[in-house]
Amino acid sequence: MWSRVCAKPPPGPPEVASGADVHPPRLHGTDGEVKRIAAGLLSHTLPRPEWTHETHLAAVSVLLLQYPEIDLKQQLPGIISSCNAAVGGVNDNRHGYHHTVTRFWIAAAKAFHADKPAGSFVERVNRFIASPAGRRDAALRHFSPARLFSVEARRRLVEPDLMPFPWDTTLHDAPAPKL
């Protein structure tokens, strides 16, 4: 006869772990490191293995903070696409540049950095990466996976289907690059 002590509890629903829970953020060490990431993106020399979630956020943050002459909504799509191609990546319906994700992170970074202006580049970047706004799964609070990972969302900016953004994205002012 089974006792309560050794009986296994009935199975519950499967646990769902987000990317942010499974992979804790990798923070950057120095201002030079985050500036090198942005410079590598601009010069199309950032190695593909280094193009991680954290480097995406570092690059957009440094470009926002250090390069005000770059209109990120207009220019970042081409910068990312050409960097991907230059380092052996592909920009197609399944890989490489993703227009909705790029625009999401530009808007999230602008909103985050506008509220927290003090600190060095690396401090500001790391605060963003470690914040709820910088989590790998932040976009999935606004988009269902089916919508966010669709070809349509990769090719053009789509509206969120779960929850509106807490900031203005000015959605239809910049075209996606041709894939």
N, C-alpha and C. Protein backbone atom coordinates (compact mmCIF):
# COMPACT_ATOMS: atom_id res chain seq x y z
N MET A 1 0.83 -1.17 0.00
CA MET A 1 0.00 0.00 0.00
C MET A 1 0.88 1.24 0.00
N TRP A 2 0.52 2.21 -0.83
CA TRP A 2 1.26 3.46 -0.95
C TRP A 2 0.91 4.38 0.19
N SER A 3 1.92 4.99 0.75
CA SER A 3 1.65 6.04 1.74
C SER A 3 1.82 7.39 1.05
N ARG A 4 1.29 8.41 1.66
CA ARG A 4 1.41 9.77 1.10
C ARG A 4 2.87 10.20 1.02
N VAL A 5 3.69 9.68 1.89
CA VAL A 5 5.09 10.09 1.92
C VAL A 5 5.82 9.65 0.66
N CYS A 6 5.55 8.45 0.17
CA CYS A 6 6.30 7.98 -0.99
C CYS A 6 5.51 8.06 -2.29
N ALA A 7 4.29 8.45 -2.22
CA ALA A 7 3.49 8.56 -3.45
C ALA A 7 3.91 9.81 -4.23
N LYS A 8 3.96 9.67 -5.53
CA LYS A 8 4.28 10.82 -6.38
C LYS A 8 3.01 11.64 -6.57
N PRO A 9 3.15 12.96 -6.58
CA PRO A 9 1.98 13.77 -6.83
C PRO A 9 1.49 13.55 -8.26
N PRO A 10 0.21 13.78 -8.49
CA PRO A 10 -0.27 13.61 -9.86
C PRO A 10 0.41 14.62 -10.78
N PRO A 11 0.62 14.24 -12.01
CA PRO A 11 1.30 15.17 -12.90
C PRO A 11 0.45 16.41 -13.14
N GLY A 12 1.11 17.56 -13.12
CA GLY A 12 0.43 18.82 -13.40
C GLY A 12 0.72 19.25 -14.82
N PRO A 13 0.32 20.47 -15.14
CA PRO A 13 0.62 20.95 -16.48
C PRO A 13 2.13 21.10 -16.65
N PRO A 14 2.60 20.95 -17.87
CA PRO A 14 4.05 21.08 -18.08
C PRO A 14 4.49 22.50 -17.76
N GLU A 15 5.69 22.60 -17.21
CA GLU A 15 6.22 23.92 -16.91
C GLU A 15 6.75 24.54 -18.19
N VAL A 16 6.48 25.80 -18.34
CA VAL A 16 6.97 26.52 -19.50
C VAL A 16 8.01 27.51 -19.00
N ALA A 17 9.20 27.35 -19.48
CA ALA A 17 10.28 28.27 -19.11
C ALA A 17 10.57 29.16 -20.31
N SER A 18 10.63 30.43 -20.07
CA SER A 18 10.95 31.34 -21.17
C SER A 18 12.46 31.34 -21.40
N GLY A 19 12.86 31.89 -22.54
CA GLY A 19 14.28 31.99 -22.84
C GLY A 19 15.03 32.76 -21.78
N ALA A 20 14.37 33.77 -21.19
CA ALA A 20 15.03 34.58 -20.17
C ALA A 20 15.26 33.78 -18.90
N ASP A 21 14.41 32.79 -18.63
CA ASP A 21 14.58 31.98 -17.44
C ASP A 21 15.61 30.88 -17.65
N VAL A 22 15.64 30.32 -18.83
CA VAL A 22 16.54 29.24 -19.15
C VAL A 22 17.96 29.76 -19.36
N HIS A 23 18.08 30.92 -19.96
CA HIS A 23 19.38 31.52 -20.27
C HIS A 23 19.48 32.88 -19.59
N PRO A 24 20.07 32.94 -18.40
CA PRO A 24 20.19 34.24 -17.74
C PRO A 24 21.01 35.20 -18.61
N PRO A 25 20.76 36.49 -18.48
CA PRO A 25 21.47 37.44 -19.34
C PRO A 25 22.97 37.44 -19.11
N ARG A 26 23.70 37.61 -20.20
CA ARG A 26 25.15 37.75 -20.15
C ARG A 26 25.45 39.24 -20.22
N LEU A 27 25.93 39.77 -19.12
CA LEU A 27 26.20 41.20 -19.04
C LEU A 27 27.58 41.51 -19.61
N HIS A 28 27.77 42.73 -20.02
CA HIS A 28 29.03 43.17 -20.62
C HIS A 28 29.94 43.75 -19.56
N GLY A 29 31.26 43.75 -19.84
CA GLY A 29 32.25 44.14 -18.84
C GLY A 29 32.71 45.58 -18.87
N THR A 30 32.83 46.17 -20.05
CA THR A 30 33.43 47.51 -20.13
C THR A 30 32.72 48.36 -21.17
N ASP A 31 32.92 49.67 -21.08
CA ASP A 31 32.43 50.57 -22.12
C ASP A 31 33.04 50.21 -23.46
N GLY A 32 34.33 49.88 -23.45
CA GLY A 32 35.01 49.51 -24.69
C GLY A 32 34.37 48.32 -25.37
N GLU A 33 33.95 47.35 -24.57
CA GLU A 33 33.31 46.15 -25.12
C GLU A 33 32.01 46.50 -25.83
N VAL A 34 31.14 47.29 -25.20
CA VAL A 34 29.85 47.60 -25.83
C VAL A 34 30.04 48.55 -27.02
N LYS A 35 31.02 49.43 -26.95
CA LYS A 35 31.29 50.31 -28.09
C LYS A 35 31.86 49.50 -29.26
N ARG A 36 32.68 48.48 -28.96
CA ARG A 36 33.23 47.61 -30.01
C ARG A 36 32.11 46.85 -30.73
N ILE A 37 31.08 46.46 -29.99
CA ILE A 37 29.94 45.76 -30.60
C ILE A 37 29.26 46.67 -31.61
N ALA A 38 28.96 47.91 -31.20
CA ALA A 38 28.30 48.85 -32.11
C ALA A 38 29.20 49.15 -33.31
N ALA A 39 30.49 49.33 -33.07
CA ALA A 39 31.43 49.60 -34.17
C ALA A 39 31.50 48.41 -35.12
N GLY A 40 31.48 47.19 -34.58
CA GLY A 40 31.49 45.99 -35.42
C GLY A 40 30.25 45.87 -36.27
N LEU A 41 29.11 46.26 -35.73
CA LEU A 41 27.88 46.25 -36.50
C LEU A 41 27.97 47.28 -37.62
N LEU A 42 28.41 48.48 -37.30
CA LEU A 42 28.50 49.54 -38.30
C LEU A 42 29.52 49.24 -39.39
N SER A 43 30.62 48.58 -39.02
CA SER A 43 31.66 48.26 -40.00
C SER A 43 31.44 46.91 -40.67
N HIS A 44 30.38 46.22 -40.30
CA HIS A 44 30.03 44.90 -40.85
C HIS A 44 31.09 43.86 -40.56
N THR A 45 31.69 43.94 -39.37
CA THR A 45 32.74 43.00 -39.00
C THR A 45 32.42 42.24 -37.71
N LEU A 46 31.24 42.45 -37.14
CA LEU A 46 30.89 41.74 -35.90
C LEU A 46 30.70 40.26 -36.23
N PRO A 47 31.52 39.38 -35.66
CA PRO A 47 31.41 37.95 -35.98
C PRO A 47 30.03 37.39 -35.63
N ARG A 48 29.51 36.54 -36.50
CA ARG A 48 28.18 35.96 -36.29
C ARG A 48 28.00 35.32 -34.92
N PRO A 49 28.98 34.55 -34.40
CA PRO A 49 28.77 33.94 -33.08
C PRO A 49 28.59 34.97 -31.96
N GLU A 50 29.06 36.19 -32.17
CA GLU A 50 28.91 37.23 -31.16
C GLU A 50 27.56 37.95 -31.26
N TRP A 51 26.79 37.69 -32.30
CA TRP A 51 25.53 38.40 -32.52
C TRP A 51 24.44 37.70 -31.72
N THR A 52 24.45 37.95 -30.40
CA THR A 52 23.51 37.34 -29.46
C THR A 52 22.44 38.36 -29.06
N HIS A 53 21.51 37.92 -28.27
CA HIS A 53 20.48 38.84 -27.76
C HIS A 53 21.13 40.02 -27.04
N GLU A 54 22.08 39.73 -26.20
CA GLU A 54 22.73 40.79 -25.43
C GLU A 54 23.51 41.76 -26.32
N THR A 55 24.14 41.25 -27.38
CA THR A 55 24.85 42.16 -28.26
C THR A 55 23.88 42.98 -29.11
N HIS A 56 22.73 42.41 -29.45
CA HIS A 56 21.70 43.22 -30.13
C HIS A 56 21.33 44.42 -29.25
N LEU A 57 21.07 44.15 -27.97
CA LEU A 57 20.65 45.23 -27.08
C LEU A 57 21.79 46.21 -26.82
N ALA A 58 23.01 45.72 -26.73
CA ALA A 58 24.16 46.62 -26.57
C ALA A 58 24.31 47.50 -27.80
N ALA A 59 24.21 46.91 -28.98
CA ALA A 59 24.38 47.69 -30.21
C ALA A 59 23.32 48.77 -30.34
N VAL A 60 22.05 48.41 -30.17
CA VAL A 60 21.00 49.43 -30.32
C VAL A 60 21.13 50.49 -29.24
N SER A 61 21.52 50.11 -28.04
CA SER A 61 21.70 51.09 -26.95
C SER A 61 22.83 52.06 -27.26
N VAL A 62 23.98 51.54 -27.66
CA VAL A 62 25.12 52.42 -27.95
C VAL A 62 24.81 53.29 -29.16
N LEU A 63 24.16 52.73 -30.18
CA LEU A 63 23.82 53.56 -31.34
C LEU A 63 22.87 54.68 -30.94
N LEU A 64 21.92 54.39 -30.08
CA LEU A 64 21.01 55.44 -29.59
C LEU A 64 21.74 56.51 -28.80
N LEU A 65 22.64 56.08 -27.93
CA LEU A 65 23.30 56.99 -27.00
C LEU A 65 24.49 57.73 -27.60
N GLN A 66 25.21 57.10 -28.51
CA GLN A 66 26.45 57.69 -29.01
C GLN A 66 26.34 58.20 -30.45
N TYR A 67 25.37 57.75 -31.20
CA TYR A 67 25.27 58.13 -32.61
C TYR A 67 23.90 58.75 -32.91
N PRO A 68 23.61 59.93 -32.36
CA PRO A 68 22.29 60.53 -32.58
C PRO A 68 22.04 60.88 -34.05
N GLU A 69 23.10 60.97 -34.85
CA GLU A 69 22.92 61.28 -36.27
C GLU A 69 22.36 60.11 -37.07
N ILE A 70 22.39 58.91 -36.50
CA ILE A 70 21.83 57.73 -37.16
C ILE A 70 20.34 57.64 -36.81
N ASP A 71 19.50 57.68 -37.82
CA ASP A 71 18.06 57.47 -37.62
C ASP A 71 17.84 55.96 -37.61
N LEU A 72 17.76 55.40 -36.41
CA LEU A 72 17.72 53.94 -36.30
C LEU A 72 16.53 53.32 -37.02
N LYS A 73 15.37 53.93 -36.94
CA LYS A 73 14.21 53.34 -37.63
C LYS A 73 14.44 53.28 -39.14
N GLN A 74 15.13 54.26 -39.67
CA GLN A 74 15.38 54.29 -41.12
C GLN A 74 16.62 53.48 -41.51
N GLN A 75 17.68 53.57 -40.70
CA GLN A 75 18.97 53.03 -41.13
C GLN A 75 19.34 51.66 -40.54
N LEU A 76 18.85 51.35 -39.34
CA LEU A 76 19.26 50.09 -38.72
C LEU A 76 18.86 48.85 -39.52
N PRO A 77 17.69 48.84 -40.17
CA PRO A 77 17.38 47.65 -40.98
C PRO A 77 18.46 47.33 -42.01
N GLY A 78 18.92 48.33 -42.73
CA GLY A 78 19.96 48.11 -43.73
C GLY A 78 21.30 47.76 -43.11
N ILE A 79 21.60 48.40 -41.97
CA ILE A 79 22.86 48.11 -41.29
C ILE A 79 22.91 46.65 -40.85
N ILE A 80 21.85 46.17 -40.23
CA ILE A 80 21.82 44.77 -39.76
C ILE A 80 21.84 43.81 -40.93
N SER A 81 21.02 44.06 -41.95
CA SER A 81 20.96 43.16 -43.10
C SER A 81 22.31 43.05 -43.79
N SER A 82 22.97 44.20 -44.01
CA SER A 82 24.25 44.15 -44.71
C SER A 82 25.34 43.56 -43.83
N CYS A 83 25.27 43.77 -42.51
CA CYS A 83 26.24 43.13 -41.61
C CYS A 83 26.05 41.61 -41.64
N ASN A 84 24.80 41.16 -41.58
CA ASN A 84 24.54 39.72 -41.66
C ASN A 84 25.17 39.13 -42.92
N ALA A 85 24.93 39.76 -44.06
CA ALA A 85 25.45 39.25 -45.33
C ALA A 85 26.98 39.30 -45.35
N ALA A 86 27.57 40.35 -44.81
CA ALA A 86 29.02 40.52 -44.84
C ALA A 86 29.77 39.46 -44.03
N VAL A 87 29.12 38.94 -42.99
CA VAL A 87 29.80 37.95 -42.15
C VAL A 87 29.30 36.53 -42.43
N GLY A 88 28.69 36.33 -43.58
CA GLY A 88 28.29 35.00 -44.01
C GLY A 88 26.90 34.58 -43.60
N GLY A 89 26.10 35.50 -43.09
CA GLY A 89 24.72 35.18 -42.72
C GLY A 89 23.78 35.29 -43.90
N VAL A 90 22.55 34.92 -43.66
CA VAL A 90 21.52 34.94 -44.69
C VAL A 90 20.37 35.80 -44.17
N ASN A 91 19.75 36.56 -45.04
CA ASN A 91 18.53 37.30 -44.73
C ASN A 91 17.45 36.75 -45.64
N ASP A 92 16.62 35.87 -45.08
CA ASP A 92 15.55 35.29 -45.89
C ASP A 92 14.30 35.16 -45.03
N ASN A 93 13.36 34.35 -45.44
CA ASN A 93 12.10 34.22 -44.71
C ASN A 93 12.23 33.51 -43.37
N ARG A 94 13.38 32.90 -43.09
CA ARG A 94 13.55 32.14 -41.86
C ARG A 94 14.73 32.58 -41.01
N HIS A 95 15.68 33.30 -41.58
CA HIS A 95 16.91 33.63 -40.88
C HIS A 95 17.31 35.08 -41.14
N GLY A 96 18.15 35.59 -40.25
CA GLY A 96 18.71 36.91 -40.46
C GLY A 96 17.79 38.02 -40.00
N TYR A 97 17.81 39.10 -40.75
CA TYR A 97 17.10 40.31 -40.34
C TYR A 97 15.61 40.05 -40.12
N HIS A 98 15.09 40.63 -39.01
CA HIS A 98 13.67 40.51 -38.65
C HIS A 98 13.16 41.91 -38.34
N HIS A 99 12.30 42.44 -39.21
CA HIS A 99 11.90 43.84 -39.11
C HIS A 99 11.11 44.16 -37.84
N THR A 100 10.13 43.35 -37.49
CA THR A 100 9.32 43.63 -36.31
C THR A 100 10.17 43.56 -35.04
N VAL A 101 11.02 42.56 -34.93
CA VAL A 101 11.88 42.43 -33.76
C VAL A 101 12.82 43.62 -33.65
N THR A 102 13.41 44.02 -34.77
CA THR A 102 14.31 45.17 -34.75
C THR A 102 13.58 46.43 -34.28
N ARG A 103 12.42 46.68 -34.82
CA ARG A 103 11.67 47.87 -34.43
C ARG A 103 11.22 47.78 -32.98
N PHE A 104 10.87 46.60 -32.52
CA PHE A 104 10.51 46.42 -31.11
C PHE A 104 11.66 46.84 -30.21
N TRP A 105 12.89 46.35 -30.51
CA TRP A 105 14.02 46.65 -29.65
C TRP A 105 14.46 48.10 -29.74
N ILE A 106 14.31 48.73 -30.88
CA ILE A 106 14.60 50.17 -30.97
C ILE A 106 13.67 50.93 -30.04
N ALA A 107 12.38 50.65 -30.12
CA ALA A 107 11.40 51.35 -29.28
C ALA A 107 11.61 51.05 -27.80
N ALA A 108 11.89 49.78 -27.46
CA ALA A 108 12.11 49.41 -26.06
C ALA A 108 13.35 50.09 -25.51
N ALA A 109 14.42 50.13 -26.30
CA ALA A 109 15.67 50.77 -25.85
C ALA A 109 15.47 52.27 -25.67
N LYS A 110 14.79 52.92 -26.62
CA LYS A 110 14.54 54.36 -26.49
C LYS A 110 13.76 54.65 -25.22
N ALA A 111 12.71 53.89 -24.97
CA ALA A 111 11.89 54.11 -23.78
C ALA A 111 12.70 53.86 -22.51
N PHE A 112 13.47 52.79 -22.48
CA PHE A 112 14.25 52.46 -21.29
C PHE A 112 15.29 53.52 -21.02
N HIS A 113 16.08 53.88 -21.99
CA HIS A 113 17.18 54.83 -21.78
C HIS A 113 16.68 56.25 -21.52
N ALA A 114 15.53 56.60 -22.00
CA ALA A 114 14.98 57.93 -21.72
C ALA A 114 14.67 58.11 -20.24
N ASP A 115 14.31 57.01 -19.58
CA ASP A 115 13.96 57.06 -18.16
C ASP A 115 15.16 56.88 -17.23
N LYS A 116 16.29 56.40 -17.75
CA LYS A 116 17.46 56.10 -16.91
C LYS A 116 18.72 56.65 -17.57
N PRO A 117 18.89 57.97 -17.57
CA PRO A 117 19.97 58.56 -18.35
C PRO A 117 21.37 58.50 -17.73
N ALA A 118 21.51 58.22 -16.45
CA ALA A 118 22.83 58.31 -15.81
C ALA A 118 23.63 57.02 -15.96
N GLY A 119 24.96 57.17 -15.92
CA GLY A 119 25.84 56.02 -15.91
C GLY A 119 26.67 55.90 -17.16
N SER A 120 27.65 55.03 -17.09
CA SER A 120 28.52 54.75 -18.24
C SER A 120 27.73 53.95 -19.27
N PHE A 121 28.30 53.79 -20.47
CA PHE A 121 27.63 52.99 -21.50
C PHE A 121 27.35 51.58 -21.00
N VAL A 122 28.37 50.94 -20.43
CA VAL A 122 28.20 49.55 -20.01
C VAL A 122 27.18 49.44 -18.88
N GLU A 123 27.15 50.40 -17.96
CA GLU A 123 26.15 50.37 -16.89
C GLU A 123 24.75 50.50 -17.46
N ARG A 124 24.58 51.41 -18.39
CA ARG A 124 23.26 51.63 -18.99
C ARG A 124 22.82 50.41 -19.81
N VAL A 125 23.73 49.86 -20.59
CA VAL A 125 23.43 48.67 -21.39
C VAL A 125 23.07 47.50 -20.47
N ASN A 126 23.87 47.26 -19.44
CA ASN A 126 23.62 46.14 -18.54
C ASN A 126 22.31 46.30 -17.78
N ARG A 127 21.97 47.53 -17.38
CA ARG A 127 20.67 47.74 -16.72
C ARG A 127 19.52 47.39 -17.66
N PHE A 128 19.66 47.76 -18.93
CA PHE A 128 18.63 47.43 -19.92
C PHE A 128 18.53 45.92 -20.10
N ILE A 129 19.66 45.26 -20.31
CA ILE A 129 19.67 43.81 -20.51
C ILE A 129 19.06 43.08 -19.32
N ALA A 130 19.37 43.53 -18.10
CA ALA A 130 18.91 42.85 -16.88
C ALA A 130 17.48 43.23 -16.49
N SER A 131 16.92 44.22 -17.13
CA SER A 131 15.57 44.69 -16.77
C SER A 131 14.49 43.83 -17.44
N PRO A 132 13.25 43.91 -16.95
CA PRO A 132 12.16 43.23 -17.65
C PRO A 132 12.04 43.69 -19.11
N ALA A 133 12.35 44.95 -19.38
CA ALA A 133 12.27 45.47 -20.76
C ALA A 133 13.29 44.82 -21.68
N GLY A 134 14.38 44.29 -21.14
CA GLY A 134 15.43 43.69 -21.95
C GLY A 134 15.43 42.18 -21.99
N ARG A 135 14.45 41.56 -21.36
CA ARG A 135 14.39 40.09 -21.37
C ARG A 135 14.24 39.55 -22.78
N ARG A 136 14.82 38.39 -23.01
CA ARG A 136 14.70 37.74 -24.32
C ARG A 136 13.26 37.59 -24.75
N ASP A 137 12.37 37.37 -23.81
CA ASP A 137 10.97 37.11 -24.15
C ASP A 137 10.09 38.36 -24.05
N ALA A 138 10.69 39.54 -23.95
CA ALA A 138 9.90 40.77 -23.78
C ALA A 138 8.90 40.97 -24.92
N ALA A 139 9.29 40.70 -26.14
CA ALA A 139 8.37 40.89 -27.27
C ALA A 139 7.18 39.94 -27.20
N LEU A 140 7.37 38.79 -26.56
CA LEU A 140 6.29 37.80 -26.48
C LEU A 140 5.20 38.19 -25.48
N ARG A 141 5.39 39.26 -24.74
CA ARG A 141 4.29 39.81 -23.94
C ARG A 141 3.32 40.55 -24.84
N HIS A 142 3.79 40.96 -26.01
CA HIS A 142 2.98 41.74 -26.94
C HIS A 142 2.52 40.95 -28.16
N PHE A 143 3.32 39.97 -28.56
CA PHE A 143 3.04 39.18 -29.76
C PHE A 143 2.91 37.71 -29.41
N SER A 144 1.97 37.04 -30.03
CA SER A 144 1.94 35.58 -29.93
C SER A 144 3.13 35.06 -30.74
N PRO A 145 3.66 33.89 -30.38
CA PRO A 145 4.77 33.34 -31.16
C PRO A 145 4.42 33.19 -32.64
N ALA A 146 3.20 32.77 -32.93
CA ALA A 146 2.81 32.59 -34.34
C ALA A 146 2.91 33.91 -35.10
N ARG A 147 2.49 34.98 -34.48
CA ARG A 147 2.54 36.29 -35.16
C ARG A 147 3.98 36.81 -35.25
N LEU A 148 4.71 36.77 -34.13
CA LEU A 148 6.06 37.33 -34.11
C LEU A 148 7.01 36.57 -35.03
N PHE A 149 6.88 35.26 -35.11
CA PHE A 149 7.81 34.47 -35.89
C PHE A 149 7.29 34.16 -37.29
N SER A 150 6.30 34.92 -37.73
CA SER A 150 5.76 34.75 -39.08
C SER A 150 6.66 35.42 -40.11
N VAL A 151 6.54 34.98 -41.34
CA VAL A 151 7.27 35.62 -42.44
C VAL A 151 6.83 37.07 -42.56
N GLU A 152 5.55 37.34 -42.39
CA GLU A 152 5.05 38.71 -42.48
C GLU A 152 5.76 39.62 -41.48
N ALA A 153 5.93 39.18 -40.22
CA ALA A 153 6.58 39.99 -39.20
C ALA A 153 8.07 40.15 -39.49
N ARG A 154 8.67 39.16 -40.10
CA ARG A 154 10.09 39.26 -40.47
C ARG A 154 10.27 40.30 -41.58
N ARG A 155 9.35 40.36 -42.50
CA ARG A 155 9.48 41.23 -43.67
C ARG A 155 8.99 42.66 -43.46
N ARG A 156 8.00 42.84 -42.56
CA ARG A 156 7.46 44.18 -42.33
C ARG A 156 7.01 44.29 -40.89
N LEU A 157 6.82 45.49 -40.44
CA LEU A 157 6.39 45.72 -39.07
C LEU A 157 4.92 45.36 -38.92
N VAL A 158 4.62 44.50 -37.96
CA VAL A 158 3.23 44.12 -37.69
C VAL A 158 2.83 44.62 -36.31
N GLU A 159 1.55 44.85 -36.16
CA GLU A 159 1.00 45.29 -34.87
C GLU A 159 0.99 44.11 -33.90
N PRO A 160 1.16 44.38 -32.60
CA PRO A 160 1.07 43.29 -31.62
C PRO A 160 -0.35 42.74 -31.55
N ASP A 161 -0.46 41.46 -31.28
CA ASP A 161 -1.79 40.84 -31.19
C ASP A 161 -2.19 40.48 -29.77
N LEU A 162 -1.31 40.66 -28.79
CA LEU A 162 -1.65 40.32 -27.41
C LEU A 162 -1.85 41.54 -26.53
N MET A 163 -0.93 42.48 -26.61
CA MET A 163 -0.97 43.63 -25.71
C MET A 163 -0.30 44.80 -26.43
N PRO A 164 -0.91 45.99 -26.38
CA PRO A 164 -0.27 47.14 -27.03
C PRO A 164 1.03 47.52 -26.31
N PHE A 165 1.87 48.23 -27.02
CA PHE A 165 3.12 48.70 -26.44
C PHE A 165 2.85 49.84 -25.47
N PRO A 166 3.68 50.00 -24.44
CA PRO A 166 3.54 51.13 -23.53
C PRO A 166 4.22 52.39 -24.07
N TRP A 167 4.72 52.33 -25.28
CA TRP A 167 5.40 53.46 -25.90
C TRP A 167 4.90 53.61 -27.33
N ASP A 168 5.20 54.74 -27.93
CA ASP A 168 4.82 54.99 -29.32
C ASP A 168 5.86 54.36 -30.23
N THR A 169 5.42 53.53 -31.15
CA THR A 169 6.34 52.91 -32.09
C THR A 169 6.32 53.58 -33.45
N THR A 170 5.35 54.44 -33.71
CA THR A 170 5.18 55.05 -35.02
C THR A 170 5.41 53.97 -36.07
N LEU A 171 4.47 53.07 -36.12
CA LEU A 171 4.68 51.81 -36.82
C LEU A 171 5.00 51.89 -38.31
N HIS A 172 4.41 52.76 -39.04
CA HIS A 172 4.51 52.61 -40.50
C HIS A 172 5.39 53.66 -41.16
N ASP A 173 6.48 54.06 -40.53
CA ASP A 173 7.29 55.11 -41.11
C ASP A 173 8.61 54.65 -41.71
N ALA A 174 8.93 53.38 -41.63
CA ALA A 174 10.20 52.92 -42.21
C ALA A 174 9.98 51.55 -42.85
N PRO A 175 10.34 51.41 -44.11
CA PRO A 175 10.17 50.12 -44.77
C PRO A 175 11.25 49.13 -44.34
N ALA A 176 10.90 47.89 -44.42
CA ALA A 176 11.89 46.84 -44.17
C ALA A 176 12.76 46.70 -45.40
N PRO A 177 14.01 46.27 -45.22
CA PRO A 177 14.84 46.03 -46.41
C PRO A 177 14.31 44.84 -47.18
N LYS A 178 14.61 44.78 -48.44
CA LYS A 178 14.21 43.63 -49.27
C LYS A 178 14.99 42.41 -48.82
N LEU A 179 14.29 41.30 -48.61
CA LEU A 179 14.97 40.06 -48.22
C LEU A 179 15.17 39.19 -49.43
